[in-house]
C-alpha atoms as a PDB file:
ATOM      1  CA  ARG A   1     298.953 234.207 252.501  1.00  0.00           C
ATOM      2  CA  GLN A   2     300.032 230.843 251.537  1.00  0.00           C
ATOM      3  CA  GLY A   3     301.272 229.618 248.196  1.00  0.00           C
ATOM      4  CA  THR A   4     299.469 226.981 246.237  1.00  0.00           C
ATOM      5  CA  HIS A   5     301.296 223.617 244.939  1.00  0.00           C
ATOM      6  CA  ALA A   6     301.459 223.744 241.167  1.00  0.00           C
ATOM      7  CA  GLU A   7     298.886 221.504 240.072  1.00  0.00           C
ATOM      8  CA  LEU A   8     299.011 221.319 235.971  1.00  0.00           C
ATOM      9  CA  SER A   9     302.435 222.550 234.853  1.00  0.00           C
ATOM     10  CA  ALA A  10     305.332 224.503 234.952  1.00  0.00           C
ATOM     11  CA  HIS A  11     306.750 226.152 232.015  1.00  0.00           C
ATOM     12  CA  SER A  12     310.219 225.977 231.571  1.00  0.00           C
ATOM     13  CA  PRO A  13     311.962 228.786 229.421  1.00  0.00           C
ATOM     14  CA  SER A  14     314.662 227.498 227.030  1.00  0.00           C
ATOM     15  CA  GLN A  15     318.039 227.810 228.013  1.00  0.00           C
ATOM     16  CA  GLY A  16     318.736 231.036 225.768  1.00  0.00           C
ATOM     17  CA  ALA A  17     315.903 232.794 227.193  1.00  0.00           C
ATOM     18  CA  GLU A  18     316.867 232.054 230.684  1.00  0.00           C
ATOM     19  CA  SER A  19     320.040 233.528 230.024  1.00  0.00           C
ATOM     20  CA  ARG A  20     318.272 236.790 228.527  1.00  0.00           C
ATOM     21  CA  ARG A  21     316.282 237.126 231.558  1.00  0.00           C
ATOM     22  CA  HIS A  22     318.844 236.863 233.932  1.00  0.00           C
ATOM     23  CA  GLU A  23     320.748 239.716 231.586  1.00  0.00           C
ATOM     24  CA  GLN A  24     317.777 241.734 231.938  1.00  0.00           C
ATOM     25  CA  GLY A  25     317.700 241.670 235.854  1.00  0.00           C
ATOM     26  CA  LEU A  26     314.820 239.248 236.082  1.00  0.00           C
ATOM     27  CA  PRO A  27     315.380 236.413 238.658  1.00  0.00           C
ATOM     28  CA  ARG A  28     317.019 233.587 237.240  1.00  0.00           C
ATOM     29  CA  GLY A  29     314.406 230.894 236.752  1.00  0.00           C
ATOM     30  CA  ALA A  30     311.428 232.839 236.543  1.00  0.00           C
ATOM     31  CA  GLN A  31     308.886 230.512 235.221  1.00  0.00           C
ATOM     32  CA  ALA A  32     304.938 230.385 234.973  1.00  0.00           C
ATOM     33  CA  CYS A  33     302.826 227.942 236.627  1.00  0.00           C
ATOM     34  CA  THR A  34     298.992 226.971 236.873  1.00  0.00           C
ATOM     35  CA  THR A  35     297.580 227.522 240.013  1.00  0.00           C
ATOM     36  CA  LEU A  36     294.909 225.368 241.790  1.00  0.00           C
ATOM     37  CA  THR A  37     292.227 227.424 240.617  1.00  0.00           C
ATOM     38  CA  ASN A  38     293.624 227.255 236.876  1.00  0.00           C
ATOM     39  CA  ARG A  39     294.862 230.637 236.824  1.00  0.00           C
ATOM     40  CA  THR A  40     298.474 231.888 235.829  1.00  0.00           C
ATOM     41  CA  GLY A  41     300.704 231.876 238.409  1.00  0.00           C
ATOM     42  CA  PHE A  42     304.354 232.431 239.411  1.00  0.00           C
ATOM     43  CA  LEU A  43     306.475 229.561 240.393  1.00  0.00           C
ATOM     44  CA  CYS A  44     308.535 229.976 243.607  1.00  0.00           C
ATOM     45  CA  ARG A  45     312.197 228.848 243.929  1.00  0.00           C
ATOM     46  CA  ASP A  46     311.104 225.637 245.497  1.00  0.00           C
ATOM     47  CA  GLN A  47     309.568 224.496 242.462  1.00  0.00           C
ATOM     48  CA  ARG A  48     306.498 223.390 244.364  1.00  0.00           C
ATOM     49  CA  SER A  49     304.662 226.683 245.249  1.00  0.00           C
ATOM     50  CA  CYS A  50     302.775 228.127 242.533  1.00  0.00           C
ATOM     51  CA  ILE A  51     301.386 231.768 243.812  1.00  0.00           C
ATOM     52  CA  PRO A  52     298.483 233.813 241.716  1.00  0.00           C
ATOM     53  CA  ALA A  53     300.215 236.307 239.233  1.00  0.00           C
ATOM     54  CA  SER A  54     298.556 239.341 241.098  1.00  0.00           C
ATOM     55  CA  GLY A  55     300.625 237.831 244.355  1.00  0.00           C
ATOM     56  CA  VAL A  56     303.818 239.342 242.984  1.00  0.00           C
ATOM     57  CA  CYS A  57     305.281 242.433 243.850  1.00  0.00           C
ATOM     58  CA  ASP A  58     302.291 242.952 246.385  1.00  0.00           C
ATOM     59  CA  GLY A  59     304.297 243.889 249.180  1.00  0.00           C
ATOM     60  CA  VAL A  60     303.795 240.528 250.861  1.00  0.00           C
ATOM     61  CA  ARG A  61     306.632 237.964 250.451  1.00  0.00           C
ATOM     62  CA  THR A  62     304.434 234.886 249.676  1.00  0.00           C
ATOM     63  CA  CYS A  63     307.302 232.474 248.301  1.00  0.00           C
ATOM     64  CA  THR A  64     309.411 230.928 251.195  1.00  0.00           C
ATOM     65  CA  HIS A  65     312.683 232.750 249.945  1.00  0.00           C
ATOM     66  CA  GLY A  66     310.884 235.933 248.962  1.00  0.00           C
ATOM     67  CA  GLU A  67     311.633 235.903 245.147  1.00  0.00           C
ATOM     68  CA  ASP A  68     308.117 237.064 244.525  1.00  0.00           C
ATOM     69  CA  GLU A  69     309.028 240.533 246.079  1.00  0.00           C
ATOM     70  CA  ASP A  70     312.586 240.530 244.581  1.00  0.00           C
ATOM     71  CA  GLU A  71     313.853 244.088 243.596  1.00  0.00           C
ATOM     72  CA  SER A  72     314.741 243.065 240.066  1.00  0.00           C
ATOM     73  CA  LEU A  73     311.231 241.785 239.616  1.00  0.00           C
ATOM     74  CA  CYS A  74     309.341 244.670 241.420  1.00  0.00           C
ATOM     75  CA  ARG A  75     311.501 247.936 240.236  1.00  0.00           C
ATOM     76  CA  ASP A  76     309.715 249.204 237.326  1.00  0.00           C
ATOM     77  CA  VAL A  77     306.443 247.146 237.182  1.00  0.00           C
ATOM     78  CA  PRO A  78     304.950 246.415 235.106  1.00  0.00           C
ATOM     79  CA  HIS A  79     308.159 246.643 232.488  1.00  0.00           C
ATOM     80  CA  SER A  80     310.212 244.593 235.159  1.00  0.00           C
ATOM     81  CA  LEU A  81     307.605 241.474 235.504  1.00  0.00           C
ATOM     82  CA  PRO A  82     307.978 238.365 233.098  1.00  0.00           C
ATOM     83  CA  ARG A  83     305.543 238.846 230.250  1.00  0.00           C
ATOM     84  CA  PHE A  84     303.387 235.725 231.696  1.00  0.00           C
ATOM     85  CA  LEU A  85     302.513 237.825 234.605  1.00  0.00           C
ATOM     86  CA  VAL A  86     300.884 240.684 232.558  1.00  0.00           C
ATOM     87  CA  ALA A  87     297.977 241.342 230.501  1.00  0.00           C
ATOM     88  CA  HIS A  88     296.872 244.679 228.892  1.00  0.00           C
ATOM     89  CA  CYS A  89     293.615 246.286 228.649  1.00  0.00           C
ATOM     90  CA  GLY A  90     291.888 248.021 225.783  1.00  0.00           C
ATOM     91  CA  ASP A  91     293.648 251.169 226.577  1.00  0.00           C
ATOM     92  CA  PRO A  92     297.698 250.400 225.915  1.00  0.00           C
ATOM     93  CA  ALA A  93     298.779 252.673 228.988  1.00  0.00           C
ATOM     94  CA  SER A  94     296.562 250.240 231.326  1.00  0.00           C
ATOM     95  CA  TRP A  95     297.660 246.685 232.527  1.00  0.00           C
ATOM     96  CA  ILE A  96     296.373 243.944 234.979  1.00  0.00           C
ATOM     97  CA  TYR A  97     298.153 240.562 236.396  1.00  0.00           C
ATOM     98  CA  SER A  98     297.340 238.098 234.010  1.00  0.00           C
ATOM     99  CA  ASP A  99     295.196 235.963 236.634  1.00  0.00           C
ATOM    100  CA  GLN A 100     292.754 238.926 236.735  1.00  0.00           C
ATOM    101  CA  LYS A 101     291.739 238.422 232.871  1.00  0.00           C
ATOM    102  CA  CYS A 102     288.593 236.397 232.731  1.00  0.00           C
ATOM    103  CA  ASP A 103     287.700 236.492 236.418  1.00  0.00           C
ATOM    104  CA  GLY A 104     284.460 238.027 236.329  1.00  0.00           C
ATOM    105  CA  THR A 105     285.579 241.565 237.519  1.00  0.00           C
ATOM    106  CA  ASN A 106     286.034 244.348 235.527  1.00  0.00           C
ATOM    107  CA  ASN A 107     289.849 245.084 236.814  1.00  0.00           C
ATOM    108  CA  CYS A 108     290.527 247.158 233.545  1.00  0.00           C
ATOM    109  CA  GLY A 109     287.647 249.701 233.977  1.00  0.00           C
ATOM    110  CA  ASP A 110     286.485 249.378 230.530  1.00  0.00           C
ATOM    111  CA  CYS A 111     285.566 245.631 230.555  1.00  0.00           C
ATOM    112  CA  SER A 112     288.372 245.017 228.099  1.00  0.00           C
ATOM    113  CA  ASP A 113     289.685 241.970 230.204  1.00  0.00           C
ATOM    114  CA  GLU A 114     286.260 240.421 230.306  1.00  0.00           C
ATOM    115  CA  LEU A 115     284.810 241.109 226.901  1.00  0.00           C
ATOM    116  CA  SER A 116     285.937 240.594 223.236  1.00  0.00           C
ATOM    117  CA  PRO A 117     287.468 241.893 221.124  1.00  0.00           C
ATOM    118  CA  VAL A 118     290.485 242.510 223.590  1.00  0.00           C
ATOM    119  CA  THR A 119     289.750 239.327 225.390  1.00  0.00           C
ATOM    120  CA  VAL A 120     287.820 236.057 224.374  1.00  0.00           C
ATOM    121  CA  CYS A 121     286.652 234.723 227.926  1.00  0.00           C
ATOM    122  CA  PRO A 122     284.504 231.701 228.287  1.00  0.00           C
ATOM    123  CA  LEU A 123     280.560 232.350 228.897  1.00  0.00           C
ATOM    124  CA  CYS A 124     279.537 232.799 232.429  1.00  0.00           C
ATOM    125  CA  GLY A 125     280.564 229.958 234.646  1.00  0.00           C
ATOM    126  CA  PRO A 126     278.706 228.069 237.318  1.00  0.00           C
ATOM    127  CA  GLY A 127     277.873 230.499 240.089  1.00  0.00           C
ATOM    128  CA  TRP A 128     277.280 233.293 237.595  1.00  0.00           C
ATOM    129  CA  TRP A 129     274.335 234.742 235.508  1.00  0.00           C
ATOM    130  CA  PRO A 130     274.826 236.492 232.009  1.00  0.00           C
ATOM    131  CA  CYS A 131     273.297 239.746 231.382  1.00  0.00           C
ATOM    132  CA  PRO A 132     273.990 243.317 230.452  1.00  0.00           C
ATOM    133  CA  SER A 133     275.213 244.574 233.946  1.00  0.00           C
ATOM    134  CA  THR A 134     274.427 247.922 235.543  1.00  0.00           C
ATOM    135  CA  VAL A 135     276.952 247.303 238.207  1.00  0.00           C
ATOM    136  CA  PHE A 136     280.151 248.812 237.065  1.00  0.00           C
ATOM    137  CA  LYS A 137     282.430 246.056 238.852  1.00  0.00           C
ATOM    138  CA  TYR A 138     280.796 243.218 236.425  1.00  0.00           C
ATOM    139  CA  CYS A 139     280.679 243.336 232.688  1.00  0.00           C
ATOM    140  CA  GLY A 140     278.643 240.215 230.956  1.00  0.00           C
ATOM    141  CA  CYS A 141     278.051 238.274 234.259  1.00  0.00           C
ATOM    142  CA  ILE A 142     276.789 238.935 237.691  1.00  0.00           C
ATOM    143  CA  PRO A 143     277.375 236.648 240.556  1.00  0.00           C
ATOM    144  CA  ARG A 144     274.284 234.449 241.039  1.00  0.00           C
ATOM    145  CA  ARG A 145     274.199 235.633 244.949  1.00  0.00           C
ATOM    146  CA  LEU A 146     273.069 238.968 243.478  1.00  0.00           C
ATOM    147  CA  CYS A 147     269.870 237.345 241.705  1.00  0.00           C
ATOM    148  CA  ARG A 148     266.441 237.942 243.301  1.00  0.00           C
ATOM    149  CA  ASP A 149     267.549 240.127 245.949  1.00  0.00           C
ATOM    150  CA  HIS A 150     265.175 243.030 245.199  1.00  0.00           C
ATOM    151  CA  VAL A 151     268.009 245.198 243.754  1.00  0.00           C
ATOM    152  CA  GLN A 152     268.504 245.580 240.125  1.00  0.00           C
ATOM    153  CA  HIS A 153     271.885 244.435 238.772  1.00  0.00           C
ATOM    154  CA  CYS A 154     271.003 243.707 235.142  1.00  0.00           C
ATOM    155  CA  SER A 155     269.893 246.404 232.752  1.00  0.00           C
ATOM    156  CA  ASP A 156     267.382 244.130 231.606  1.00  0.00           C
ATOM    157  CA  TRP A 157     266.098 243.206 235.301  1.00  0.00           C
ATOM    158  CA  SER A 158     266.786 239.331 234.376  1.00  0.00           C
ATOM    159  CA  ASP A 159     268.666 239.097 237.584  1.00  0.00           C
ATOM    160  CA  GLU A 160     265.295 239.739 239.315  1.00  0.00           C
ATOM    161  CA  TYR A 161     262.728 237.697 237.358  1.00  0.00           C
ATOM    162  CA  ALA A 162     264.456 235.358 235.174  1.00  0.00           C
ATOM    163  CA  CYS A 163     267.772 234.324 237.216  1.00  0.00           C
ATOM    164  CA  PRO A 164     267.287 231.021 239.371  1.00  0.00           C
ATOM    165  CA  GLY A 165     269.341 232.441 242.148  1.00  0.00           C
ATOM    166  CA  PRO A 166     272.315 230.979 243.765  1.00  0.00           C
END
């Protein structure tokens, strides 16, 4: 996998937070960034490559120096991860990577990463159709590619009779 360049911003921790992070065993300078797809990311040491949050501690060294797989970062996931990489589900014992929140997919298993009151996600984006889904993988929207495919994906059948398709 290739890292992407940080497009919008990198959020620098204050010097005190930087020191506390290092004392806790987190990599010095662990910083959030925004990926090219407008998702939360992890800024590599080169200060140019921004990898998606879910690319940290996934067993693949994506950053040039491998800091995304650093032992201090990955020793006790999710507790050893910086807070900006973690999002909590409706069940407090469950978590996902922050870039998986509001991505249209039911990553938590209870749709709490896609629907309120736990998460406030924007309405279905382009390429999605709003409906009460019968497909457990999705929550309040389904991909338009599933519209008019002669298979019911919405409990109200709107994907077959109302959705304009892809």
